[in-house]
């Protein structure tokens, strides 16, 4: 099951094992619900079980895996209610940033443009992995919250997006719609640059609502 997993160097480190597992999850080599057995992973990666155990603990903390009594660790499986709740909470945080565009610092506004440019560049690069697209995508949304100037709200957003990383990566693989997503983000920034704050608010609210629906539909979470 884990034959495709490799480490760049034979020496074992928890961080490298965790990073290789993240890569496999984001690239779809390890699908939702896949059991992450310590023995099998240790054998495939050529590391000790204690190293694998620590790496799995990191993935559980990041929301990429879950640990259940008597069942062990498995790749996380998104739930519809959680996806909708996270998107609703993101609207509260990101909406606050959008409303504060006029009072935000020049540095915070510049960060929005820079994160958008980085995302668009990743979308148009043939070398970008799903993991990189995912990170660039979420970094843009984080920059919106940073417009509030509140480190606590930014920290809240960082915690929220951990729960969506896996879902978004899976949707990107299934729908391959990163170009459409990038254009949506660019349209939002154009509204902000034009000081059309009310329109930007409405655009963002619809974007996040549509995102929740798209994630649930693509992953077969809606009944």
N, C-alpha and C. Protein backbone atom coordinates (compact mmCIF):
# COMPACT_ATOMS: atom_id res chain seq x y z
N UNK A 1 0.82 -1.22 0.00
CA UNK A 1 0.00 0.00 0.00
C UNK A 1 0.85 1.26 0.00
N UNK A 2 2.02 1.20 0.65
CA UNK A 2 2.82 2.40 0.82
C UNK A 2 4.08 2.38 -0.04
N UNK A 3 4.07 1.61 -1.14
CA UNK A 3 5.27 1.43 -1.94
C UNK A 3 5.77 2.73 -2.56
N UNK A 4 4.86 3.68 -2.84
CA UNK A 4 5.26 4.92 -3.52
C UNK A 4 5.91 5.93 -2.59
N UNK A 5 5.90 5.66 -1.29
CA UNK A 5 6.46 6.60 -0.33
C UNK A 5 7.96 6.43 -0.23
N UNK A 6 8.68 7.55 -0.29
CA UNK A 6 10.14 7.51 -0.18
C UNK A 6 10.62 8.74 0.58
N UNK A 7 11.81 8.63 1.16
CA UNK A 7 12.45 9.77 1.79
C UNK A 7 13.66 10.15 0.96
N UNK A 8 13.96 11.47 0.91
CA UNK A 8 15.07 11.94 0.10
C UNK A 8 16.41 11.41 0.62
N UNK A 9 16.49 11.19 1.93
CA UNK A 9 17.73 10.71 2.53
C UNK A 9 17.41 9.49 3.39
N UNK A 10 18.35 8.56 3.54
CA UNK A 10 18.09 7.36 4.33
C UNK A 10 17.93 7.65 5.82
N UNK A 11 18.55 8.73 6.31
CA UNK A 11 18.44 9.05 7.73
C UNK A 11 16.99 9.37 8.07
N UNK A 12 16.53 8.92 9.23
CA UNK A 12 15.13 9.12 9.59
C UNK A 12 14.96 10.36 10.45
N UNK A 13 14.00 11.20 10.05
CA UNK A 13 13.62 12.34 10.88
C UNK A 13 12.11 12.42 10.85
N UNK A 14 11.55 12.84 11.96
CA UNK A 14 10.10 12.95 12.06
C UNK A 14 9.56 13.93 11.02
N UNK A 15 10.24 15.06 10.86
CA UNK A 15 9.75 16.08 9.94
C UNK A 15 9.70 15.58 8.50
N UNK A 16 10.72 14.82 8.08
CA UNK A 16 10.73 14.34 6.71
C UNK A 16 9.67 13.27 6.49
N UNK A 17 9.45 12.45 7.49
CA UNK A 17 8.40 11.44 7.36
C UNK A 17 7.04 12.13 7.28
N UNK A 18 6.81 13.10 8.15
CA UNK A 18 5.54 13.83 8.13
C UNK A 18 5.34 14.52 6.79
N UNK A 19 6.40 15.10 6.25
CA UNK A 19 6.29 15.81 4.98
C UNK A 19 5.98 14.86 3.84
N UNK A 20 6.59 13.68 3.85
CA UNK A 20 6.31 12.70 2.80
C UNK A 20 4.86 12.20 2.89
N UNK A 21 4.36 12.05 4.10
CA UNK A 21 2.97 11.64 4.26
C UNK A 21 2.02 12.73 3.79
N UNK A 22 2.35 13.97 4.10
CA UNK A 22 1.53 15.09 3.60
C UNK A 22 1.48 15.07 2.09
N UNK A 23 2.64 14.91 1.46
CA UNK A 23 2.70 14.88 0.00
C UNK A 23 1.80 13.78 -0.56
N UNK A 24 1.89 12.61 0.02
CA UNK A 24 1.09 11.48 -0.47
C UNK A 24 -0.40 11.73 -0.29
N UNK A 25 -0.77 12.37 0.80
CA UNK A 25 -2.18 12.68 1.04
C UNK A 25 -2.67 13.71 0.03
N UNK A 26 -1.92 14.79 -0.14
CA UNK A 26 -2.35 15.85 -1.04
C UNK A 26 -2.35 15.41 -2.50
N UNK A 27 -1.44 14.53 -2.87
CA UNK A 27 -1.38 14.08 -4.25
C UNK A 27 -2.34 12.93 -4.54
N UNK A 28 -3.06 12.47 -3.52
CA UNK A 28 -4.07 11.45 -3.74
C UNK A 28 -3.55 10.03 -3.68
N UNK A 29 -2.29 9.84 -3.32
CA UNK A 29 -1.76 8.49 -3.19
C UNK A 29 -2.35 7.79 -1.96
N UNK A 30 -2.68 8.58 -0.95
CA UNK A 30 -3.35 8.07 0.23
C UNK A 30 -4.70 8.78 0.34
N UNK A 31 -5.77 8.07 0.03
CA UNK A 31 -7.10 8.66 0.00
C UNK A 31 -7.71 8.73 1.40
N UNK A 32 -8.79 9.50 1.51
CA UNK A 32 -9.51 9.60 2.77
C UNK A 32 -9.90 8.22 3.27
N UNK A 33 -9.70 8.00 4.57
CA UNK A 33 -10.07 6.73 5.17
C UNK A 33 -8.99 5.68 5.13
N UNK A 34 -7.90 5.94 4.39
CA UNK A 34 -6.82 4.95 4.31
C UNK A 34 -6.17 4.76 5.68
N UNK A 35 -6.11 3.54 6.20
CA UNK A 35 -5.43 3.31 7.48
C UNK A 35 -3.93 3.58 7.34
N UNK A 36 -3.37 4.27 8.32
CA UNK A 36 -1.93 4.57 8.31
C UNK A 36 -1.26 3.70 9.37
N UNK A 37 -0.89 2.50 8.95
CA UNK A 37 -0.32 1.52 9.86
C UNK A 37 1.14 1.81 10.13
N UNK A 38 1.49 1.87 11.39
CA UNK A 38 2.87 2.19 11.76
C UNK A 38 3.86 1.21 11.15
N UNK A 39 3.55 -0.08 11.25
CA UNK A 39 4.50 -1.10 10.78
C UNK A 39 4.73 -0.96 9.28
N UNK A 40 3.65 -0.85 8.50
CA UNK A 40 3.79 -0.75 7.05
C UNK A 40 4.52 0.51 6.62
N UNK A 41 4.21 1.62 7.26
CA UNK A 41 4.89 2.87 6.93
C UNK A 41 6.36 2.82 7.30
N UNK A 42 6.65 2.29 8.46
CA UNK A 42 8.04 2.20 8.90
C UNK A 42 8.86 1.34 7.94
N UNK A 43 8.27 0.25 7.49
CA UNK A 43 8.96 -0.65 6.57
C UNK A 43 9.18 0.01 5.22
N UNK A 44 8.16 0.70 4.71
CA UNK A 44 8.27 1.34 3.39
C UNK A 44 9.26 2.49 3.39
N UNK A 45 9.30 3.23 4.48
CA UNK A 45 10.14 4.42 4.56
C UNK A 45 11.52 4.14 5.14
N UNK A 46 11.70 2.95 5.68
CA UNK A 46 12.99 2.60 6.25
C UNK A 46 13.32 3.35 7.52
N UNK A 47 12.29 3.57 8.34
CA UNK A 47 12.50 4.28 9.60
C UNK A 47 11.90 3.46 10.74
N UNK A 48 12.13 3.90 11.96
CA UNK A 48 11.59 3.20 13.11
C UNK A 48 10.12 3.52 13.34
N UNK A 49 9.42 2.63 14.01
CA UNK A 49 8.00 2.85 14.27
C UNK A 49 7.77 4.06 15.17
N UNK A 50 8.70 4.33 16.07
CA UNK A 50 8.53 5.49 16.94
C UNK A 50 8.58 6.78 16.13
N UNK A 51 9.40 6.81 15.08
CA UNK A 51 9.46 7.99 14.20
C UNK A 51 8.15 8.16 13.46
N UNK A 52 7.62 7.06 12.95
CA UNK A 52 6.32 7.10 12.26
C UNK A 52 5.23 7.56 13.22
N UNK A 53 5.28 7.05 14.45
CA UNK A 53 4.26 7.40 15.44
C UNK A 53 4.25 8.91 15.69
N UNK A 54 5.42 9.49 15.81
CA UNK A 54 5.51 10.94 16.03
C UNK A 54 5.02 11.72 14.82
N UNK A 55 5.35 11.23 13.62
CA UNK A 55 4.92 11.90 12.39
C UNK A 55 3.40 11.85 12.27
N UNK A 56 2.82 10.72 12.62
CA UNK A 56 1.36 10.59 12.56
C UNK A 56 0.68 11.53 13.56
N UNK A 57 1.31 11.72 14.70
CA UNK A 57 0.77 12.65 15.69
C UNK A 57 0.71 14.06 15.12
N UNK A 58 1.72 14.43 14.33
CA UNK A 58 1.73 15.74 13.68
C UNK A 58 0.57 15.85 12.69
N UNK A 59 0.36 14.81 11.88
CA UNK A 59 -0.72 14.85 10.90
C UNK A 59 -2.09 14.93 11.56
N UNK A 60 -2.24 14.24 12.68
CA UNK A 60 -3.51 14.30 13.42
C UNK A 60 -3.74 15.73 13.92
N UNK A 61 -2.69 16.36 14.44
CA UNK A 61 -2.80 17.73 14.94
C UNK A 61 -3.14 18.70 13.82
N UNK A 62 -2.70 18.40 12.60
CA UNK A 62 -2.96 19.27 11.46
C UNK A 62 -4.32 19.01 10.82
N UNK A 63 -5.01 17.98 11.28
CA UNK A 63 -6.32 17.67 10.72
C UNK A 63 -6.27 16.83 9.46
N UNK A 64 -5.09 16.36 9.08
CA UNK A 64 -4.97 15.53 7.88
C UNK A 64 -5.23 14.06 8.18
N UNK A 65 -5.21 13.71 9.45
CA UNK A 65 -5.47 12.32 9.85
C UNK A 65 -6.27 12.33 11.15
N UNK A 66 -6.90 11.21 11.42
CA UNK A 66 -7.67 11.08 12.66
C UNK A 66 -7.21 9.83 13.40
N UNK A 67 -7.32 9.88 14.72
CA UNK A 67 -6.94 8.74 15.54
C UNK A 67 -8.18 8.28 16.31
N UNK A 68 -8.54 7.02 16.14
CA UNK A 68 -9.73 6.48 16.81
C UNK A 68 -9.32 5.33 17.73
N UNK A 69 -9.95 5.23 18.90
CA UNK A 69 -9.64 4.13 19.82
C UNK A 69 -9.85 2.76 19.16
N UNK A 70 -8.90 1.88 19.32
CA UNK A 70 -8.95 0.51 18.79
C UNK A 70 -8.91 0.43 17.27
N UNK A 71 -8.75 1.57 16.61
CA UNK A 71 -8.69 1.56 15.14
C UNK A 71 -7.39 2.15 14.62
N UNK A 72 -6.73 2.93 15.42
CA UNK A 72 -5.49 3.55 14.99
C UNK A 72 -5.71 4.83 14.21
N UNK A 73 -4.74 5.15 13.36
CA UNK A 73 -4.75 6.41 12.61
C UNK A 73 -5.13 6.15 11.16
N UNK A 74 -5.92 7.06 10.59
CA UNK A 74 -6.31 6.96 9.19
C UNK A 74 -6.34 8.36 8.59
N UNK A 75 -6.20 8.44 7.27
CA UNK A 75 -6.34 9.73 6.59
C UNK A 75 -7.74 10.27 6.87
N UNK A 76 -7.82 11.55 7.19
CA UNK A 76 -9.09 12.14 7.59
C UNK A 76 -10.13 12.07 6.47
N UNK A 77 -11.38 11.92 6.86
CA UNK A 77 -12.50 11.94 5.93
C UNK A 77 -13.37 13.15 6.26
N UNK A 78 -13.47 14.10 5.34
CA UNK A 78 -14.25 15.31 5.61
C UNK A 78 -15.73 14.98 5.87
N UNK A 79 -16.38 15.79 6.69
CA UNK A 79 -17.81 15.67 6.95
C UNK A 79 -18.51 16.94 6.47
N UNK A 80 -19.69 16.77 5.87
CA UNK A 80 -20.41 17.90 5.27
C UNK A 80 -20.67 19.01 6.28
N UNK A 81 -21.12 18.64 7.47
CA UNK A 81 -21.45 19.65 8.47
C UNK A 81 -20.22 20.47 8.86
N UNK A 82 -19.07 19.80 8.96
CA UNK A 82 -17.84 20.49 9.32
C UNK A 82 -17.39 21.43 8.21
N UNK A 83 -17.51 20.97 6.96
CA UNK A 83 -17.12 21.81 5.82
C UNK A 83 -17.96 23.08 5.80
N UNK A 84 -19.27 22.93 5.97
CA UNK A 84 -20.16 24.11 5.95
C UNK A 84 -19.87 25.03 7.11
N UNK A 85 -19.62 24.46 8.27
CA UNK A 85 -19.37 25.28 9.46
C UNK A 85 -18.06 26.06 9.31
N UNK A 86 -17.03 25.41 8.79
CA UNK A 86 -15.75 26.09 8.60
C UNK A 86 -15.90 27.23 7.59
N UNK A 87 -16.62 27.00 6.49
CA UNK A 87 -16.81 28.05 5.49
C UNK A 87 -17.62 29.21 6.07
N UNK A 88 -18.60 28.91 6.92
CA UNK A 88 -19.38 29.97 7.55
C UNK A 88 -18.50 30.80 8.50
N UNK A 89 -17.63 30.11 9.24
CA UNK A 89 -16.72 30.82 10.15
C UNK A 89 -15.71 31.64 9.36
N UNK A 90 -15.25 31.11 8.24
CA UNK A 90 -14.32 31.87 7.39
C UNK A 90 -14.97 33.14 6.88
N UNK A 91 -16.26 33.08 6.57
CA UNK A 91 -16.96 34.28 6.09
C UNK A 91 -16.93 35.37 7.15
N UNK A 92 -17.11 35.01 8.41
CA UNK A 92 -17.05 35.99 9.49
C UNK A 92 -15.68 36.66 9.53
N UNK A 93 -14.62 35.87 9.45
CA UNK A 93 -13.26 36.40 9.55
C UNK A 93 -12.83 37.14 8.29
N UNK A 94 -13.02 36.51 7.14
CA UNK A 94 -12.59 37.14 5.89
C UNK A 94 -13.46 38.34 5.54
N UNK A 95 -14.75 38.25 5.88
CA UNK A 95 -15.64 39.39 5.66
C UNK A 95 -15.21 40.60 6.46
N UNK A 96 -14.74 40.36 7.67
CA UNK A 96 -14.24 41.46 8.50
C UNK A 96 -13.04 42.12 7.84
N UNK A 97 -12.19 41.33 7.23
CA UNK A 97 -11.03 41.89 6.54
C UNK A 97 -11.43 42.72 5.34
N UNK A 98 -12.36 42.20 4.56
CA UNK A 98 -12.84 42.93 3.38
C UNK A 98 -13.45 44.27 3.78
N UNK A 99 -14.25 44.27 4.84
CA UNK A 99 -14.89 45.51 5.30
C UNK A 99 -13.87 46.53 5.79
N UNK A 100 -12.70 46.04 6.19
CA UNK A 100 -11.67 46.94 6.72
C UNK A 100 -10.66 47.38 5.65
N UNK A 101 -10.93 47.05 4.40
CA UNK A 101 -10.00 47.37 3.32
C UNK A 101 -9.59 48.85 3.33
N UNK A 102 -10.54 49.73 3.51
CA UNK A 102 -10.24 51.16 3.47
C UNK A 102 -9.33 51.62 4.60
N UNK A 103 -9.38 50.95 5.74
CA UNK A 103 -8.56 51.33 6.89
C UNK A 103 -7.33 50.45 7.07
N UNK A 104 -7.18 49.45 6.22
CA UNK A 104 -6.05 48.53 6.35
C UNK A 104 -4.75 49.22 5.98
N UNK A 105 -3.66 48.73 6.52
CA UNK A 105 -2.35 49.30 6.22
C UNK A 105 -1.96 49.01 4.77
N UNK A 106 -1.07 49.84 4.26
CA UNK A 106 -0.58 49.62 2.90
C UNK A 106 0.11 48.26 2.79
N UNK A 107 0.77 47.86 3.86
CA UNK A 107 1.47 46.57 3.88
C UNK A 107 0.47 45.42 3.78
N UNK A 108 -0.65 45.51 4.49
CA UNK A 108 -1.66 44.46 4.46
C UNK A 108 -2.31 44.38 3.08
N UNK A 109 -2.56 45.52 2.49
CA UNK A 109 -3.14 45.52 1.13
C UNK A 109 -2.16 44.92 0.13
N UNK A 110 -0.90 45.29 0.27
CA UNK A 110 0.12 44.76 -0.63
C UNK A 110 0.23 43.24 -0.49
N UNK A 111 0.07 42.76 0.74
CA UNK A 111 0.14 41.31 0.97
C UNK A 111 -0.98 40.57 0.25
N UNK A 112 -2.15 41.20 0.16
CA UNK A 112 -3.26 40.59 -0.58
C UNK A 112 -2.88 40.43 -2.05
N UNK A 113 -2.31 41.49 -2.64
CA UNK A 113 -1.90 41.43 -4.04
C UNK A 113 -0.78 40.41 -4.25
N UNK A 114 0.16 40.37 -3.32
CA UNK A 114 1.28 39.44 -3.46
C UNK A 114 0.82 37.99 -3.34
N UNK A 115 -0.10 37.73 -2.42
CA UNK A 115 -0.60 36.35 -2.26
C UNK A 115 -1.43 35.94 -3.47
N UNK A 116 -2.17 36.89 -4.05
CA UNK A 116 -2.93 36.60 -5.27
C UNK A 116 -1.98 36.27 -6.42
N UNK A 117 -0.93 37.10 -6.58
CA UNK A 117 0.04 36.86 -7.65
C UNK A 117 0.72 35.49 -7.48
N UNK A 118 1.04 35.14 -6.24
CA UNK A 118 1.69 33.86 -5.98
C UNK A 118 0.76 32.70 -6.34
N UNK A 119 -0.53 32.85 -6.03
CA UNK A 119 -1.50 31.81 -6.34
C UNK A 119 -1.67 31.66 -7.85
N UNK A 120 -1.81 32.79 -8.54
CA UNK A 120 -1.99 32.73 -9.99
C UNK A 120 -0.76 32.13 -10.65
N UNK A 121 0.43 32.48 -10.17
CA UNK A 121 1.66 31.91 -10.73
C UNK A 121 1.70 30.40 -10.54
N UNK A 122 1.27 29.95 -9.36
CA UNK A 122 1.25 28.51 -9.10
C UNK A 122 0.25 27.80 -10.00
N UNK A 123 -0.89 28.45 -10.24
CA UNK A 123 -1.93 27.86 -11.10
C UNK A 123 -1.41 27.67 -12.52
N UNK A 124 -0.63 28.64 -13.00
CA UNK A 124 -0.16 28.58 -14.38
C UNK A 124 1.15 27.82 -14.54
N UNK A 125 1.72 27.38 -13.44
CA UNK A 125 2.96 26.60 -13.53
C UNK A 125 2.66 25.12 -13.67
N UNK A 126 3.29 24.49 -14.64
CA UNK A 126 3.09 23.05 -14.85
C UNK A 126 3.75 22.23 -13.75
N UNK A 127 4.63 22.85 -12.99
CA UNK A 127 5.37 22.12 -11.95
C UNK A 127 4.69 22.17 -10.59
N UNK A 128 3.61 22.95 -10.47
CA UNK A 128 2.95 23.08 -9.17
C UNK A 128 2.26 21.78 -8.77
N UNK A 129 2.44 21.39 -7.53
CA UNK A 129 1.75 20.23 -7.00
C UNK A 129 0.41 20.66 -6.42
N UNK A 130 -0.48 19.70 -6.16
CA UNK A 130 -1.76 20.04 -5.54
C UNK A 130 -1.53 20.64 -4.15
N UNK A 131 -0.51 20.17 -3.49
CA UNK A 131 -0.21 20.70 -2.17
C UNK A 131 0.17 22.18 -2.26
N UNK A 132 1.01 22.53 -3.24
CA UNK A 132 1.41 23.94 -3.39
C UNK A 132 0.21 24.81 -3.76
N UNK A 133 -0.62 24.33 -4.68
CA UNK A 133 -1.82 25.09 -5.05
C UNK A 133 -2.70 25.32 -3.83
N UNK A 134 -2.83 24.29 -3.02
CA UNK A 134 -3.64 24.36 -1.81
C UNK A 134 -3.09 25.43 -0.87
N UNK A 135 -1.79 25.42 -0.66
CA UNK A 135 -1.17 26.36 0.26
C UNK A 135 -1.28 27.79 -0.24
N UNK A 136 -1.06 27.98 -1.55
CA UNK A 136 -1.18 29.33 -2.13
C UNK A 136 -2.62 29.84 -2.05
N UNK A 137 -3.56 28.94 -2.29
CA UNK A 137 -4.97 29.28 -2.24
C UNK A 137 -5.36 29.77 -0.84
N UNK A 138 -5.00 28.99 0.15
CA UNK A 138 -5.37 29.34 1.52
C UNK A 138 -4.59 30.55 2.03
N UNK A 139 -3.38 30.76 1.52
CA UNK A 139 -2.60 31.94 1.91
C UNK A 139 -3.30 33.22 1.46
N UNK A 140 -3.93 33.16 0.30
CA UNK A 140 -4.68 34.33 -0.17
C UNK A 140 -5.81 34.67 0.80
N UNK A 141 -6.56 33.64 1.18
CA UNK A 141 -7.68 33.89 2.10
C UNK A 141 -7.18 34.37 3.46
N UNK A 142 -6.02 33.88 3.87
CA UNK A 142 -5.45 34.34 5.12
C UNK A 142 -5.07 35.82 5.03
N UNK A 143 -4.62 36.24 3.87
CA UNK A 143 -4.25 37.66 3.70
C UNK A 143 -5.47 38.57 3.82
N UNK A 144 -6.65 38.06 3.49
CA UNK A 144 -7.87 38.85 3.65
C UNK A 144 -8.14 39.11 5.13
N UNK A 145 -7.97 38.08 5.94
CA UNK A 145 -8.18 38.25 7.38
C UNK A 145 -7.15 39.21 7.97
N UNK A 146 -5.94 39.17 7.44
CA UNK A 146 -4.88 40.04 7.94
C UNK A 146 -5.20 41.51 7.72
N UNK A 147 -6.15 41.81 6.83
CA UNK A 147 -6.57 43.20 6.62
C UNK A 147 -7.18 43.81 7.88
N UNK A 148 -7.64 42.95 8.79
CA UNK A 148 -8.22 43.45 10.04
C UNK A 148 -7.15 44.03 10.96
N UNK A 149 -5.90 43.61 10.77
CA UNK A 149 -4.83 44.04 11.65
C UNK A 149 -4.82 43.31 12.98
N UNK A 150 -5.61 42.24 13.09
CA UNK A 150 -5.71 41.50 14.35
C UNK A 150 -4.96 40.17 14.28
N UNK A 151 -3.87 40.03 15.02
CA UNK A 151 -3.15 38.75 15.04
C UNK A 151 -4.02 37.61 15.55
N UNK A 152 -4.94 37.89 16.46
CA UNK A 152 -5.80 36.83 17.00
C UNK A 152 -6.77 36.30 15.94
N UNK A 153 -7.30 37.20 15.13
CA UNK A 153 -8.20 36.75 14.06
C UNK A 153 -7.42 35.96 13.01
N UNK A 154 -6.20 36.38 12.74
CA UNK A 154 -5.36 35.64 11.80
C UNK A 154 -5.08 34.24 12.34
N UNK A 155 -4.79 34.14 13.64
CA UNK A 155 -4.54 32.83 14.25
C UNK A 155 -5.78 31.95 14.18
N UNK A 156 -6.95 32.55 14.36
CA UNK A 156 -8.19 31.78 14.25
C UNK A 156 -8.37 31.24 12.83
N UNK A 157 -8.06 32.07 11.83
CA UNK A 157 -8.17 31.63 10.44
C UNK A 157 -7.19 30.51 10.15
N UNK A 158 -5.98 30.63 10.67
CA UNK A 158 -4.98 29.58 10.46
C UNK A 158 -5.47 28.25 11.01
N UNK A 159 -6.13 28.29 12.15
CA UNK A 159 -6.67 27.06 12.74
C UNK A 159 -7.80 26.51 11.89
N UNK A 160 -8.65 27.39 11.38
CA UNK A 160 -9.79 26.94 10.58
C UNK A 160 -9.34 26.26 9.28
N UNK A 161 -8.37 26.87 8.60
CA UNK A 161 -8.01 26.33 7.30
C UNK A 161 -7.33 24.97 7.39
N UNK A 162 -6.79 24.63 8.55
CA UNK A 162 -6.24 23.30 8.72
C UNK A 162 -7.30 22.24 8.42
N UNK A 163 -8.55 22.54 8.82
CA UNK A 163 -9.63 21.58 8.62
C UNK A 163 -10.05 21.47 7.16
N UNK A 164 -9.70 22.49 6.35
CA UNK A 164 -10.12 22.47 4.95
C UNK A 164 -9.03 22.04 3.98
N UNK A 165 -7.80 21.96 4.45
CA UNK A 165 -6.69 21.67 3.55
C UNK A 165 -6.92 20.40 2.74
N UNK A 166 -7.28 19.34 3.44
CA UNK A 166 -7.46 18.06 2.77
C UNK A 166 -8.63 18.13 1.80
N UNK A 167 -9.75 18.71 2.23
CA UNK A 167 -10.93 18.80 1.38
C UNK A 167 -10.63 19.57 0.10
N UNK A 168 -9.96 20.70 0.22
CA UNK A 168 -9.66 21.52 -0.95
C UNK A 168 -8.70 20.80 -1.89
N UNK A 169 -7.73 20.12 -1.34
CA UNK A 169 -6.79 19.39 -2.19
C UNK A 169 -7.51 18.30 -2.98
N UNK A 170 -8.43 17.61 -2.33
CA UNK A 170 -9.18 16.56 -3.00
C UNK A 170 -10.07 17.14 -4.10
N UNK A 171 -10.70 18.28 -3.83
CA UNK A 171 -11.55 18.91 -4.83
C UNK A 171 -10.73 19.38 -6.02
N UNK A 172 -9.56 19.96 -5.76
CA UNK A 172 -8.69 20.39 -6.85
C UNK A 172 -8.34 19.21 -7.76
N UNK A 173 -8.08 18.05 -7.15
CA UNK A 173 -7.74 16.87 -7.96
C UNK A 173 -8.94 16.41 -8.77
N UNK A 174 -10.11 16.43 -8.15
CA UNK A 174 -11.31 15.91 -8.81
C UNK A 174 -11.81 16.85 -9.91
N UNK A 175 -11.89 18.14 -9.58
CA UNK A 175 -12.51 19.10 -10.50
C UNK A 175 -11.49 19.79 -11.41
N UNK A 176 -10.24 19.83 -10.97
CA UNK A 176 -9.19 20.50 -11.73
C UNK A 176 -9.63 21.90 -12.15
N UNK A 177 -10.15 22.67 -11.20
CA UNK A 177 -10.72 23.99 -11.49
C UNK A 177 -9.91 25.13 -10.90
N UNK A 178 -8.62 24.92 -10.73
CA UNK A 178 -7.79 25.96 -10.10
C UNK A 178 -7.81 27.26 -10.91
N UNK A 179 -7.87 27.17 -12.25
CA UNK A 179 -7.90 28.39 -13.05
C UNK A 179 -9.14 29.22 -12.74
N UNK A 180 -10.29 28.56 -12.60
CA UNK A 180 -11.53 29.27 -12.27
C UNK A 180 -11.42 29.90 -10.88
N UNK A 181 -10.84 29.19 -9.94
CA UNK A 181 -10.68 29.70 -8.60
C UNK A 181 -9.80 30.95 -8.61
N UNK A 182 -8.71 30.91 -9.36
CA UNK A 182 -7.81 32.04 -9.43
C UNK A 182 -8.51 33.27 -10.00
N UNK A 183 -9.33 33.08 -11.01
CA UNK A 183 -10.05 34.21 -11.60
C UNK A 183 -11.05 34.80 -10.61
N UNK A 184 -11.70 33.95 -9.83
CA UNK A 184 -12.61 34.44 -8.79
C UNK A 184 -11.87 35.32 -7.78
N UNK A 185 -10.69 34.88 -7.39
CA UNK A 185 -9.92 35.64 -6.43
C UNK A 185 -9.46 36.98 -7.02
N UNK A 186 -9.07 36.96 -8.28
CA UNK A 186 -8.66 38.19 -8.96
C UNK A 186 -9.83 39.17 -9.06
N UNK A 187 -11.03 38.64 -9.33
CA UNK A 187 -12.22 39.50 -9.43
C UNK A 187 -12.51 40.16 -8.10
N UNK A 188 -12.33 39.42 -7.01
CA UNK A 188 -12.54 39.99 -5.67
C UNK A 188 -11.57 41.14 -5.41
N UNK A 189 -10.31 40.95 -5.76
CA UNK A 189 -9.31 42.00 -5.53
C UNK A 189 -9.60 43.22 -6.40
N UNK A 190 -10.10 43.00 -7.61
CA UNK A 190 -10.45 44.15 -8.46
C UNK A 190 -11.56 44.97 -7.82
N UNK A 191 -12.51 44.32 -7.18
CA UNK A 191 -13.58 45.03 -6.48
C UNK A 191 -13.01 45.84 -5.31
N UNK A 192 -12.07 45.23 -4.59
CA UNK A 192 -11.45 45.94 -3.47
C UNK A 192 -10.66 47.15 -3.96
N UNK A 193 -9.91 46.97 -5.02
CA UNK A 193 -9.10 48.07 -5.56
C UNK A 193 -9.97 49.23 -6.03
N UNK A 194 -11.19 48.89 -6.45
CA UNK A 194 -12.12 49.93 -6.92
C UNK A 194 -12.94 50.50 -5.76
N UNK A 195 -12.61 50.07 -4.54
CA UNK A 195 -13.34 50.51 -3.33
C UNK A 195 -14.83 50.19 -3.38
N UNK A 196 -15.15 49.11 -4.08
CA UNK A 196 -16.54 48.63 -4.13
C UNK A 196 -16.70 47.59 -3.02
N UNK A 197 -16.65 48.07 -1.80
CA UNK A 197 -16.59 47.18 -0.64
C UNK A 197 -17.86 46.35 -0.48
N UNK A 198 -19.02 46.96 -0.67
CA UNK A 198 -20.27 46.21 -0.54
C UNK A 198 -20.33 45.08 -1.57
N UNK A 199 -19.92 45.38 -2.80
CA UNK A 199 -19.92 44.35 -3.85
C UNK A 199 -18.90 43.26 -3.52
N UNK A 200 -17.75 43.67 -2.96
CA UNK A 200 -16.72 42.70 -2.59
C UNK A 200 -17.23 41.78 -1.49
N UNK A 201 -17.96 42.35 -0.52
CA UNK A 201 -18.55 41.54 0.55
C UNK A 201 -19.50 40.50 0.00
N UNK A 202 -20.39 40.94 -0.88
CA UNK A 202 -21.37 40.01 -1.46
C UNK A 202 -20.67 38.94 -2.29
N UNK A 203 -19.65 39.36 -3.02
CA UNK A 203 -18.90 38.41 -3.85
C UNK A 203 -18.24 37.35 -2.98
N UNK A 204 -17.60 37.78 -1.90
CA UNK A 204 -16.91 36.84 -1.01
C UNK A 204 -17.89 35.90 -0.33
N UNK A 205 -19.02 36.44 0.13
CA UNK A 205 -20.01 35.59 0.80
C UNK A 205 -20.50 34.49 -0.14
N UNK A 206 -20.79 34.86 -1.39
CA UNK A 206 -21.24 33.87 -2.37
C UNK A 206 -20.12 32.88 -2.69
N UNK A 207 -18.89 33.39 -2.79
CA UNK A 207 -17.75 32.53 -3.10
C UNK A 207 -17.59 31.44 -2.04
N UNK A 208 -17.68 31.82 -0.77
CA UNK A 208 -17.49 30.85 0.31
C UNK A 208 -18.68 29.90 0.42
N UNK A 209 -19.88 30.42 0.16
CA UNK A 209 -21.07 29.55 0.17
C UNK A 209 -20.98 28.52 -0.96
N UNK A 210 -20.59 29.00 -2.14
CA UNK A 210 -20.43 28.10 -3.29
C UNK A 210 -19.32 27.08 -3.02
N UNK A 211 -18.26 27.53 -2.34
CA UNK A 211 -17.14 26.64 -2.04
C UNK A 211 -17.59 25.49 -1.15
N UNK A 212 -18.39 25.80 -0.13
CA UNK A 212 -18.89 24.75 0.77
C UNK A 212 -19.71 23.73 -0.01
N UNK A 213 -20.58 24.23 -0.89
CA UNK A 213 -21.42 23.33 -1.69
C UNK A 213 -20.57 22.49 -2.64
N UNK A 214 -19.59 23.14 -3.29
CA UNK A 214 -18.75 22.44 -4.27
C UNK A 214 -17.93 21.35 -3.61
N UNK A 215 -17.39 21.65 -2.41
CA UNK A 215 -16.59 20.65 -1.70
C UNK A 215 -17.45 19.44 -1.35
N UNK A 216 -18.61 19.71 -0.79
CA UNK A 216 -19.50 18.60 -0.38
C UNK A 216 -19.95 17.78 -1.57
N UNK A 217 -20.27 18.45 -2.67
CA UNK A 217 -20.73 17.74 -3.87
C UNK A 217 -19.61 16.92 -4.50
N UNK A 218 -18.43 17.52 -4.63
CA UNK A 218 -17.32 16.83 -5.27
C UNK A 218 -16.87 15.61 -4.49
N UNK A 219 -16.96 15.69 -3.17
CA UNK A 219 -16.52 14.59 -2.34
C UNK A 219 -17.64 13.62 -1.98
N UNK A 220 -18.82 13.87 -2.54
CA UNK A 220 -19.94 12.97 -2.29
C UNK A 220 -20.44 13.01 -0.86
N UNK A 221 -20.35 14.19 -0.24
CA UNK A 221 -20.75 14.30 1.17
C UNK A 221 -22.21 14.68 1.32
N UNK A 222 -22.83 15.16 0.25
CA UNK A 222 -24.24 15.57 0.31
C UNK A 222 -25.12 14.38 0.00
N UNK A 223 -26.22 14.32 0.74
CA UNK A 223 -27.15 13.21 0.53
C UNK A 223 -28.48 13.73 0.04
